[in-house]
C-alpha atoms as a PDB file:
ATOM      1  CA  MET A   1      68.353 115.474-137.182  1.00  0.00           C
ATOM      2  CA  ILE A   2      66.284 114.685-134.081  1.00  0.00           C
ATOM      3  CA  ASN A   3      63.560 112.070-133.892  1.00  0.00           C
ATOM      4  CA  ARG A   4      61.114 112.657-131.034  1.00  0.00           C
ATOM      5  CA  GLU A   5      58.696 109.885-131.974  1.00  0.00           C
ATOM      6  CA  ASP A   6      59.963 107.703-129.142  1.00  0.00           C
ATOM      7  CA  HIS A   7      58.517 108.024-125.656  1.00  0.00           C
ATOM      8  CA  THR A   8      60.313 110.408-123.353  1.00  0.00           C
ATOM      9  CA  PHE A   9      62.172 109.070-120.339  1.00  0.00           C
ATOM     10  CA  ILE A  10      59.912 109.162-117.293  1.00  0.00           C
ATOM     11  CA  GLY A  11      59.825 112.600-115.692  1.00  0.00           C
ATOM     12  CA  CYS A  12      61.832 114.191-118.515  1.00  0.00           C
ATOM     13  CA  ASP A  13      59.029 116.089-120.208  1.00  0.00           C
ATOM     14  CA  GLY A  14      60.249 119.568-119.309  1.00  0.00           C
ATOM     15  CA  GLN A  15      60.503 122.410-121.785  1.00  0.00           C
ATOM     16  CA  TYR A  16      63.846 122.994-123.457  1.00  0.00           C
ATOM     17  CA  ALA A  17      64.110 126.618-122.361  1.00  0.00           C
ATOM     18  CA  ASP A  18      63.509 125.723-118.709  1.00  0.00           C
ATOM     19  CA  SER A  19      65.757 122.644-118.578  1.00  0.00           C
ATOM     20  CA  ARG A  20      69.384 122.594-117.498  1.00  0.00           C
ATOM     21  CA  ILE A  21      69.814 118.943-118.553  1.00  0.00           C
ATOM     22  CA  VAL A  22      69.028 117.695-122.054  1.00  0.00           C
ATOM     23  CA  LEU A  23      68.743 113.943-122.589  1.00  0.00           C
ATOM     24  CA  PHE A  24      69.311 112.562-126.079  1.00  0.00           C
ATOM     25  CA  GLY A  25      69.957 109.222-127.737  1.00  0.00           C
ATOM     26  CA  ALA A  26      72.776 108.234-130.081  1.00  0.00           C
ATOM     27  CA  PRO A  27      71.597 104.880-131.519  1.00  0.00           C
ATOM     28  CA  PHE A  28      74.785 103.736-133.202  1.00  0.00           C
ATOM     29  CA  ASP A  29      76.616 100.387-133.072  1.00  0.00           C
ATOM     30  CA  SER A  30      78.337 100.077-136.430  1.00  0.00           C
ATOM     31  CA  THR A  31      81.775  99.261-134.977  1.00  0.00           C
ATOM     32  CA  ALA A  32      80.514  96.687-132.449  1.00  0.00           C
ATOM     33  CA  SER A  33      83.127  93.928-132.435  1.00  0.00           C
ATOM     34  CA  PHE A  34      81.102  91.110-130.860  1.00  0.00           C
ATOM     35  CA  ARG A  35      77.341  91.463-130.388  1.00  0.00           C
ATOM     36  CA  PRO A  36      75.578  94.360-132.138  1.00  0.00           C
ATOM     37  CA  GLY A  37      72.297  95.805-130.914  1.00  0.00           C
ATOM     38  CA  ALA A  38      73.271  98.765-128.718  1.00  0.00           C
ATOM     39  CA  ARG A  39      71.493 101.016-131.222  1.00  0.00           C
ATOM     40  CA  PHE A  40      68.253  99.878-129.591  1.00  0.00           C
ATOM     41  CA  ALA A  41      69.274 100.970-126.098  1.00  0.00           C
ATOM     42  CA  SER A  42      67.770 104.446-125.992  1.00  0.00           C
ATOM     43  CA  ALA A  43      64.383 103.211-127.180  1.00  0.00           C
ATOM     44  CA  ALA A  44      64.391 100.377-124.642  1.00  0.00           C
ATOM     45  CA  ILE A  45      65.406 102.673-121.804  1.00  0.00           C
ATOM     46  CA  ARG A  46      62.702 105.210-122.608  1.00  0.00           C
ATOM     47  CA  ASN A  47      60.043 102.527-122.931  1.00  0.00           C
ATOM     48  CA  ASP A  48      61.009 100.642-119.769  1.00  0.00           C
ATOM     49  CA  SER A  49      61.455 103.817-117.705  1.00  0.00           C
ATOM     50  CA  ASN A  50      57.698 103.922-117.278  1.00  0.00           C
ATOM     51  CA  GLN A  51      58.050 100.907-114.981  1.00  0.00           C
ATOM     52  CA  ILE A  52      60.177 102.784-112.432  1.00  0.00           C
ATOM     53  CA  GLU A  53      59.325 105.702-110.173  1.00  0.00           C
ATOM     54  CA  THR A  54      60.429 109.288-110.654  1.00  0.00           C
ATOM     55  CA  TYR A  55      61.415 109.279-106.968  1.00  0.00           C
ATOM     56  CA  SER A  56      64.871 108.085-105.926  1.00  0.00           C
ATOM     57  CA  PRO A  57      65.154 106.654-102.405  1.00  0.00           C
ATOM     58  CA  TYR A  58      68.935 106.874-102.786  1.00  0.00           C
ATOM     59  CA  TRP A  59      68.963 110.686-102.797  1.00  0.00           C
ATOM     60  CA  ASP A  60      65.445 111.465-101.493  1.00  0.00           C
ATOM     61  CA  ARG A  61      64.839 113.450-104.659  1.00  0.00           C
ATOM     62  CA  ASP A  62      62.282 113.247-107.438  1.00  0.00           C
ATOM     63  CA  LEU A  63      62.574 113.966-111.146  1.00  0.00           C
ATOM     64  CA  SER A  64      59.508 116.179-110.741  1.00  0.00           C
ATOM     65  CA  GLU A  65      61.725 118.558-108.748  1.00  0.00           C
ATOM     66  CA  ILE A  66      63.986 119.294-111.713  1.00  0.00           C
ATOM     67  CA  GLU A  67      63.472 120.235-115.359  1.00  0.00           C
ATOM     68  CA  VAL A  68      64.868 117.778-117.901  1.00  0.00           C
ATOM     69  CA  TYR A  69      64.191 117.914-121.636  1.00  0.00           C
ATOM     70  CA  ASP A  70      64.299 114.630-123.539  1.00  0.00           C
ATOM     71  CA  SER A  71      65.059 115.693-127.097  1.00  0.00           C
ATOM     72  CA  GLY A  72      64.742 112.219-128.589  1.00  0.00           C
ATOM     73  CA  ASP A  73      67.296 110.401-130.727  1.00  0.00           C
ATOM     74  CA  LEU A  74      69.723 111.779-133.247  1.00  0.00           C
ATOM     75  CA  GLU A  75      68.931 110.369-136.681  1.00  0.00           C
ATOM     76  CA  LEU A  76      72.359 108.925-137.403  1.00  0.00           C
ATOM     77  CA  PRO A  77      73.623 107.572-140.727  1.00  0.00           C
ATOM     78  CA  PHE A  78      74.438 103.920-140.086  1.00  0.00           C
ATOM     79  CA  GLY A  79      77.598 102.917-141.884  1.00  0.00           C
ATOM     80  CA  ASN A  80      79.129 106.400-141.806  1.00  0.00           C
ATOM     81  CA  THR A  81      81.121 106.516-138.593  1.00  0.00           C
ATOM     82  CA  GLU A  82      82.791 109.890-139.103  1.00  0.00           C
ATOM     83  CA  ARG A  83      79.524 111.579-140.045  1.00  0.00           C
ATOM     84  CA  THR A  84      77.865 110.039-136.998  1.00  0.00           C
ATOM     85  CA  LEU A  85      80.557 111.445-134.724  1.00  0.00           C
ATOM     86  CA  LYS A  86      80.253 114.832-136.393  1.00  0.00           C
ATOM     87  CA  MET A  87      76.504 114.927-135.788  1.00  0.00           C
ATOM     88  CA  ILE A  88      76.986 114.028-132.121  1.00  0.00           C
ATOM     89  CA  GLU A  89      79.696 116.669-131.835  1.00  0.00           C
ATOM     90  CA  GLU A  90      77.510 119.342-133.438  1.00  0.00           C
ATOM     91  CA  TYR A  91      74.509 118.601-131.229  1.00  0.00           C
ATOM     92  CA  THR A  92      76.601 118.433-128.054  1.00  0.00           C
ATOM     93  CA  ASP A  93      78.300 121.691-129.032  1.00  0.00           C
ATOM     94  CA  TYR A  94      74.889 123.300-129.539  1.00  0.00           C
ATOM     95  CA  LEU A  95      73.723 122.198-126.089  1.00  0.00           C
ATOM     96  CA  LEU A  96      76.905 123.306-124.322  1.00  0.00           C
ATOM     97  CA  SER A  97      76.841 126.696-126.036  1.00  0.00           C
ATOM     98  CA  ASP A  98      73.255 127.061-124.811  1.00  0.00           C
ATOM     99  CA  ASN A  99      74.368 126.392-121.205  1.00  0.00           C
ATOM    100  CA  LYS A 100      72.774 122.946-121.085  1.00  0.00           C
ATOM    101  CA  THR A 101      74.260 119.752-119.655  1.00  0.00           C
ATOM    102  CA  PRO A 102      74.149 117.076-122.380  1.00  0.00           C
ATOM    103  CA  PHE A 103      73.279 113.555-121.232  1.00  0.00           C
ATOM    104  CA  MET A 104      73.715 111.058-124.054  1.00  0.00           C
ATOM    105  CA  ILE A 105      72.366 107.521-124.163  1.00  0.00           C
ATOM    106  CA  GLY A 106      74.400 105.304-126.513  1.00  0.00           C
ATOM    107  CA  GLY A 107      74.810 103.279-128.540  1.00  0.00           C
ATOM    108  CA  GLU A 108      78.239 101.751-128.548  1.00  0.00           C
ATOM    109  CA  HIS A 109      81.024 103.473-126.650  1.00  0.00           C
ATOM    110  CA  LEU A 110      82.501 105.228-129.689  1.00  0.00           C
ATOM    111  CA  VAL A 111      79.684 107.803-129.480  1.00  0.00           C
ATOM    112  CA  THR A 112      81.519 109.306-126.495  1.00  0.00           C
ATOM    113  CA  LEU A 113      84.201 110.637-128.829  1.00  0.00           C
ATOM    114  CA  GLY A 114      81.736 112.916-130.600  1.00  0.00           C
ATOM    115  CA  ALA A 115      80.634 114.463-127.308  1.00  0.00           C
ATOM    116  CA  VAL A 116      84.196 114.871-126.032  1.00  0.00           C
ATOM    117  CA  ARG A 117      85.218 116.568-129.284  1.00  0.00           C
ATOM    118  CA  ALA A 118      82.575 119.185-128.526  1.00  0.00           C
ATOM    119  CA  ALA A 119      83.390 119.476-124.831  1.00  0.00           C
ATOM    120  CA  VAL A 120      87.094 120.219-125.287  1.00  0.00           C
ATOM    121  CA  LYS A 121      86.256 123.260-127.412  1.00  0.00           C
ATOM    122  CA  GLY A 122      84.796 125.090-124.460  1.00  0.00           C
ATOM    123  CA  TYR A 123      86.690 123.445-121.615  1.00  0.00           C
ATOM    124  CA  SER A 124      90.443 123.474-122.080  1.00  0.00           C
ATOM    125  CA  HIS A 125      90.990 121.704-118.744  1.00  0.00           C
ATOM    126  CA  LEU A 126      88.469 118.935-119.402  1.00  0.00           C
ATOM    127  CA  HIS A 127      88.919 115.759-117.368  1.00  0.00           C
ATOM    128  CA  ILE A 128      87.257 112.423-118.149  1.00  0.00           C
ATOM    129  CA  LEU A 129      86.014 109.883-115.611  1.00  0.00           C
ATOM    130  CA  HIS A 130      85.589 106.514-117.321  1.00  0.00           C
ATOM    131  CA  PHE A 131      83.818 103.443-115.879  1.00  0.00           C
ATOM    132  CA  ASP A 132      84.269 100.342-118.034  1.00  0.00           C
ATOM    133  CA  ALA A 133      85.220  96.679-118.164  1.00  0.00           C
ATOM    134  CA  HIS A 134      87.566  97.359-121.077  1.00  0.00           C
ATOM    135  CA  THR A 135      90.458  99.734-121.574  1.00  0.00           C
ATOM    136  CA  ASP A 136      89.250 100.894-125.037  1.00  0.00           C
ATOM    137  CA  MET A 137      92.770 102.233-125.617  1.00  0.00           C
ATOM    138  CA  ARG A 138      93.913 100.435-128.757  1.00  0.00           C
ATOM    139  CA  ASP A 139      95.349 102.662-131.444  1.00  0.00           C
ATOM    140  CA  LYS A 140      93.578 100.614-134.102  1.00  0.00           C
ATOM    141  CA  TYR A 141      91.164  97.712-134.001  1.00  0.00           C
ATOM    142  CA  LEU A 142      91.071  95.522-137.115  1.00  0.00           C
ATOM    143  CA  GLY A 143      92.852  98.348-138.896  1.00  0.00           C
ATOM    144  CA  GLU A 144      90.324 101.028-137.887  1.00  0.00           C
ATOM    145  CA  LYS A 145      91.184 104.020-135.707  1.00  0.00           C
ATOM    146  CA  LEU A 146      87.510 104.751-135.000  1.00  0.00           C
ATOM    147  CA  SER A 147      86.079 101.895-132.967  1.00  0.00           C
ATOM    148  CA  HIS A 148      84.490 101.272-129.614  1.00  0.00           C
ATOM    149  CA  ALA A 149      87.816  99.569-128.804  1.00  0.00           C
ATOM    150  CA  THR A 150      89.782 102.784-129.494  1.00  0.00           C
ATOM    151  CA  VAL A 151      87.495 105.479-128.083  1.00  0.00           C
ATOM    152  CA  ILE A 152      89.510 106.320-124.953  1.00  0.00           C
ATOM    153  CA  ARG A 153      92.729 106.447-126.983  1.00  0.00           C
ATOM    154  CA  ARG A 154      91.074 108.987-129.311  1.00  0.00           C
ATOM    155  CA  CYS A 155      89.804 110.977-126.318  1.00  0.00           C
ATOM    156  CA  HIS A 156      93.329 111.045-124.898  1.00  0.00           C
ATOM    157  CA  GLU A 157      94.515 112.682-128.112  1.00  0.00           C
ATOM    158  CA  LEU A 158      92.118 115.525-127.282  1.00  0.00           C
ATOM    159  CA  VAL A 159      92.714 116.040-123.551  1.00  0.00           C
ATOM    160  CA  GLY A 160      96.316 114.804-123.080  1.00  0.00           C
ATOM    161  CA  ASP A 161      98.136 113.039-120.263  1.00  0.00           C
ATOM    162  CA  GLY A 162      96.789 112.949-116.725  1.00  0.00           C
ATOM    163  CA  ARG A 163      93.227 113.905-117.633  1.00  0.00           C
ATOM    164  CA  ILE A 164      91.531 110.494-118.005  1.00  0.00           C
ATOM    165  CA  PHE A 165      90.754 108.233-115.035  1.00  0.00           C
ATOM    166  CA  SER A 166      89.476 104.725-115.741  1.00  0.00           C
ATOM    167  CA  PHE A 167      87.815 102.478-113.152  1.00  0.00           C
ATOM    168  CA  GLY A 168      86.560  98.894-113.177  1.00  0.00           C
ATOM    169  CA  ILE A 169      88.941  97.848-115.951  1.00  0.00           C
ATOM    170  CA  ARG A 170      89.405  94.094-116.184  1.00  0.00           C
ATOM    171  CA  SER A 171      90.125  93.497-119.859  1.00  0.00           C
ATOM    172  CA  GLY A 172      92.538  94.849-122.454  1.00  0.00           C
ATOM    173  CA  ASP A 173      95.511  94.062-124.622  1.00  0.00           C
ATOM    174  CA  ARG A 174      98.869  94.085-122.802  1.00  0.00           C
ATOM    175  CA  GLU A 175     100.073  96.875-125.066  1.00  0.00           C
ATOM    176  CA  GLU A 176      97.130  99.032-124.023  1.00  0.00           C
ATOM    177  CA  PHE A 177      98.182  98.830-120.396  1.00  0.00           C
ATOM    178  CA  ARG A 178     101.793  99.547-121.314  1.00  0.00           C
ATOM    179  CA  TRP A 179     100.783 102.518-123.442  1.00  0.00           C
ATOM    180  CA  ALA A 180      98.513 103.897-120.708  1.00  0.00           C
ATOM    181  CA  LYS A 181     101.255 103.904-118.066  1.00  0.00           C
ATOM    182  CA  ASN A 182     102.096 107.547-117.218  1.00  0.00           C
ATOM    183  CA  ARG A 183      99.284 108.704-119.545  1.00  0.00           C
ATOM    184  CA  ILE A 184      96.004 107.407-118.137  1.00  0.00           C
ATOM    185  CA  ASP A 185      95.196 106.440-114.555  1.00  0.00           C
ATOM    186  CA  ILE A 186      93.800 102.897-114.758  1.00  0.00           C
ATOM    187  CA  ARG A 187      92.197 101.365-111.659  1.00  0.00           C
ATOM    188  CA  ARG A 188      91.583  97.667-112.177  1.00  0.00           C
ATOM    189  CA  PHE A 189      88.549  95.593-111.230  1.00  0.00           C
ATOM    190  CA  ASN A 190      86.613  98.043-109.011  1.00  0.00           C
ATOM    191  CA  PHE A 191      86.251 101.627-107.768  1.00  0.00           C
ATOM    192  CA  ASP A 192      89.054 101.624-105.207  1.00  0.00           C
ATOM    193  CA  GLY A 193      90.624 105.069-105.089  1.00  0.00           C
ATOM    194  CA  LEU A 194      87.667 106.877-106.656  1.00  0.00           C
ATOM    195  CA  GLU A 195      87.207 109.333-103.800  1.00  0.00           C
ATOM    196  CA  MET A 196      90.870 110.327-103.907  1.00  0.00           C
ATOM    197  CA  THR A 197      90.687 110.697-107.681  1.00  0.00           C
ATOM    198  CA  CYS A 198      87.601 112.903-107.468  1.00  0.00           C
ATOM    199  CA  GLU A 199      89.293 115.077-104.859  1.00  0.00           C
ATOM    200  CA  TYR A 200      92.279 115.403-107.208  1.00  0.00           C
ATOM    201  CA  ILE A 201      90.035 116.425-110.126  1.00  0.00           C
ATOM    202  CA  GLY A 202      88.329 118.946-107.877  1.00  0.00           C
ATOM    203  CA  GLN A 203      86.178 121.483-109.713  1.00  0.00           C
ATOM    204  CA  ASN A 204      87.820 121.009-113.082  1.00  0.00           C
ATOM    205  CA  PRO A 205      85.209 120.438-115.807  1.00  0.00           C
ATOM    206  CA  LEU A 206      84.383 116.737-115.914  1.00  0.00           C
ATOM    207  CA  TYR A 207      82.919 114.484-118.584  1.00  0.00           C
ATOM    208  CA  LEU A 208      81.543 111.242-117.134  1.00  0.00           C
ATOM    209  CA  THR A 209      81.251 108.201-119.397  1.00  0.00           C
ATOM    210  CA  ILE A 210      79.821 104.934-118.097  1.00  0.00           C
ATOM    211  CA  ASP A 211      80.086 101.793-120.185  1.00  0.00           C
ATOM    212  CA  LEU A 212      77.510  99.618-118.495  1.00  0.00           C
ATOM    213  CA  ASP A 213      79.609  96.504-119.047  1.00  0.00           C
ATOM    214  CA  VAL A 214      81.568  97.683-116.010  1.00  0.00           C
ATOM    215  CA  LEU A 215      78.821  95.739-114.243  1.00  0.00           C
ATOM    216  CA  ASP A 216      79.145  92.009-113.818  1.00  0.00           C
ATOM    217  CA  PRO A 217      77.225  90.123-116.542  1.00  0.00           C
ATOM    218  CA  GLY A 218      75.478  88.241-113.763  1.00  0.00           C
ATOM    219  CA  VAL A 219      73.500  91.411-113.025  1.00  0.00           C
ATOM    220  CA  PHE A 220      73.804  93.027-116.458  1.00  0.00           C
ATOM    221  CA  PRO A 221      73.851  90.364-119.193  1.00  0.00           C
ATOM    222  CA  GLY A 222      72.443  92.624-121.912  1.00  0.00           C
ATOM    223  CA  THR A 223      75.630  94.098-123.304  1.00  0.00           C
ATOM    224  CA  GLY A 224      77.638  93.660-126.468  1.00  0.00           C
ATOM    225  CA  THR A 225      80.892  92.500-124.887  1.00  0.00           C
ATOM    226  CA  PRO A 226      80.168  90.858-121.503  1.00  0.00           C
ATOM    227  CA  GLU A 227      83.191  90.460-119.261  1.00  0.00           C
ATOM    228  CA  ALA A 228      83.166  88.275-116.134  1.00  0.00           C
ATOM    229  CA  GLY A 229      84.300  89.699-112.813  1.00  0.00           C
ATOM    230  CA  GLY A 230      82.507  93.027-112.853  1.00  0.00           C
ATOM    231  CA  VAL A 231      81.147  95.272-110.127  1.00  0.00           C
ATOM    232  CA  SER A 232      77.713  94.976-108.573  1.00  0.00           C
ATOM    233  CA  PHE A 233      74.903  97.484-108.935  1.00  0.00           C
ATOM    234  CA  LYS A 234      75.461  98.438-105.296  1.00  0.00           C
ATOM    235  CA  GLU A 235      79.120  99.195-106.024  1.00  0.00           C
ATOM    236  CA  LEU A 236      78.169 101.314-109.045  1.00  0.00           C
ATOM    237  CA  MET A 237      75.690 103.239-106.932  1.00  0.00           C
ATOM    238  CA  GLY A 238      78.428 103.769-104.351  1.00  0.00           C
ATOM    239  CA  ALA A 239      80.631 105.276-107.066  1.00  0.00           C
ATOM    240  CA  ILE A 240      77.829 107.563-108.201  1.00  0.00           C
ATOM    241  CA  LYS A 241      77.277 108.599-104.582  1.00  0.00           C
ATOM    242  CA  THR A 242      80.960 109.540-104.302  1.00  0.00           C
ATOM    243  CA  ILE A 243      80.618 111.779-107.361  1.00  0.00           C
ATOM    244  CA  ARG A 244      77.479 113.308-105.872  1.00  0.00           C
ATOM    245  CA  ASP A 245      78.904 113.867-102.402  1.00  0.00           C
ATOM    246  CA  LEU A 246      81.995 115.617-103.769  1.00  0.00           C
ATOM    247  CA  LYS A 247      79.840 117.828-106.016  1.00  0.00           C
ATOM    248  CA  MET A 248      81.867 117.202-109.147  1.00  0.00           C
ATOM    249  CA  ASN A 249      81.612 119.759-111.941  1.00  0.00           C
ATOM    250  CA  ILE A 250      79.968 117.504-114.540  1.00  0.00           C
ATOM    251  CA  ILE A 251      79.549 119.391-117.813  1.00  0.00           C
ATOM    252  CA  GLY A 252      78.432 116.358-119.827  1.00  0.00           C
ATOM    253  CA  LEU A 253      77.907 112.633-119.444  1.00  0.00           C
ATOM    254  CA  ASP A 254      76.781 109.458-121.135  1.00  0.00           C
ATOM    255  CA  ILE A 255      75.887 105.844-120.545  1.00  0.00           C
ATOM    256  CA  ASN A 256      76.422 103.301-123.283  1.00  0.00           C
ATOM    257  CA  GLU A 257      76.622  99.648-124.362  1.00  0.00           C
ATOM    258  CA  LEU A 258      73.223  98.381-123.228  1.00  0.00           C
ATOM    259  CA  CYS A 259      72.355  95.762-125.847  1.00  0.00           C
ATOM    260  CA  PRO A 260      68.667  94.861-125.319  1.00  0.00           C
ATOM    261  CA  PRO A 261      68.469  91.935-127.793  1.00  0.00           C
ATOM    262  CA  TYR A 262      70.799  89.897-125.583  1.00  0.00           C
ATOM    263  CA  ASP A 263      68.631  90.099-122.479  1.00  0.00           C
ATOM    264  CA  GLN A 264      65.084  88.997-123.173  1.00  0.00           C
ATOM    265  CA  SER A 265      64.314  89.151-119.450  1.00  0.00           C
ATOM    266  CA  GLY A 266      64.587  92.947-119.561  1.00  0.00           C
ATOM    267  CA  ILE A 267      66.553  93.207-116.326  1.00  0.00           C
ATOM    268  CA  SER A 268      69.466  94.969-118.038  1.00  0.00           C
ATOM    269  CA  ALA A 269      67.230  97.693-119.471  1.00  0.00           C
ATOM    270  CA  ALA A 270      65.514  98.061-116.088  1.00  0.00           C
ATOM    271  CA  LEU A 271      68.892  98.489-114.420  1.00  0.00           C
ATOM    272  CA  ALA A 272      69.951 101.045-117.032  1.00  0.00           C
ATOM    273  CA  CYS A 273      66.769 103.028-116.343  1.00  0.00           C
ATOM    274  CA  LYS A 274      67.690 103.317-112.677  1.00  0.00           C
ATOM    275  CA  VAL A 275      71.219 104.419-113.538  1.00  0.00           C
ATOM    276  CA  VAL A 276      69.826 107.155-115.789  1.00  0.00           C
ATOM    277  CA  ARG A 277      67.437 108.318-113.064  1.00  0.00           C
ATOM    278  CA  GLU A 278      70.105 108.428-110.389  1.00  0.00           C
ATOM    279  CA  LEU A 279      72.506 110.318-112.641  1.00  0.00           C
ATOM    280  CA  LEU A 280      69.878 112.863-113.654  1.00  0.00           C
ATOM    281  CA  LEU A 281      69.334 113.630-109.980  1.00  0.00           C
ATOM    282  CA  ILE A 282      73.000 114.233-109.130  1.00  0.00           C
ATOM    283  CA  VAL A 283      74.167 116.284-112.125  1.00  0.00           C
END
């Protein structure tokens, strides 16, 4: 089920028993609607992480100060979407039941659904904070209910109205926006209102999902569905700082949609490595 042949993320070589955070990869991109390749993200992030430091000047903290266990990648059955989601759900459920904080590296955004399915079992008041360029709220995409274009709609079916808060959204079908009204709090284009939203969520259990295409393709070109007009890395770090400063009760999180084949320069993977490091140090 788990493949640990890949390198571990820098500084994440702790023992499972001693670690509160468990990092794992979900290399799946079978519903990618434009440019596939996100299945290679976790391997690229682990490999390139050796080019960054374990120390974060943003928080004045070092990964050596915490215990993180990198469990490797789930060995997922490409072509079987429901089985893939079930495997992610089962592993996330195992980690949560063992009092660990699961940190998943996708993969396409649909992998989030598997983790949320597990999280709602133990957290009836689960809230979701969603950073993304796209709404991902279609009921079906090309006739399929399980797609990276439908993942937030499927998550809504699990947590209900008023529990999902989306930021950075700059693309979606008109019907998605109409459907989301009075169901999901959508903040367009940037992170305006994030502090107020986090204060509203308070200490309710929170699942954080970051689709890296929330970033502008000028700074993050290596993604499956690039969308012009995104936020800067500095703005994303500001959003992460807000979450840190308000000490949100993060019970699980993921980053997704890095697509290494579409950025031969490697700057997208390097950026993703820093995002992983900063998140590990605030959870």
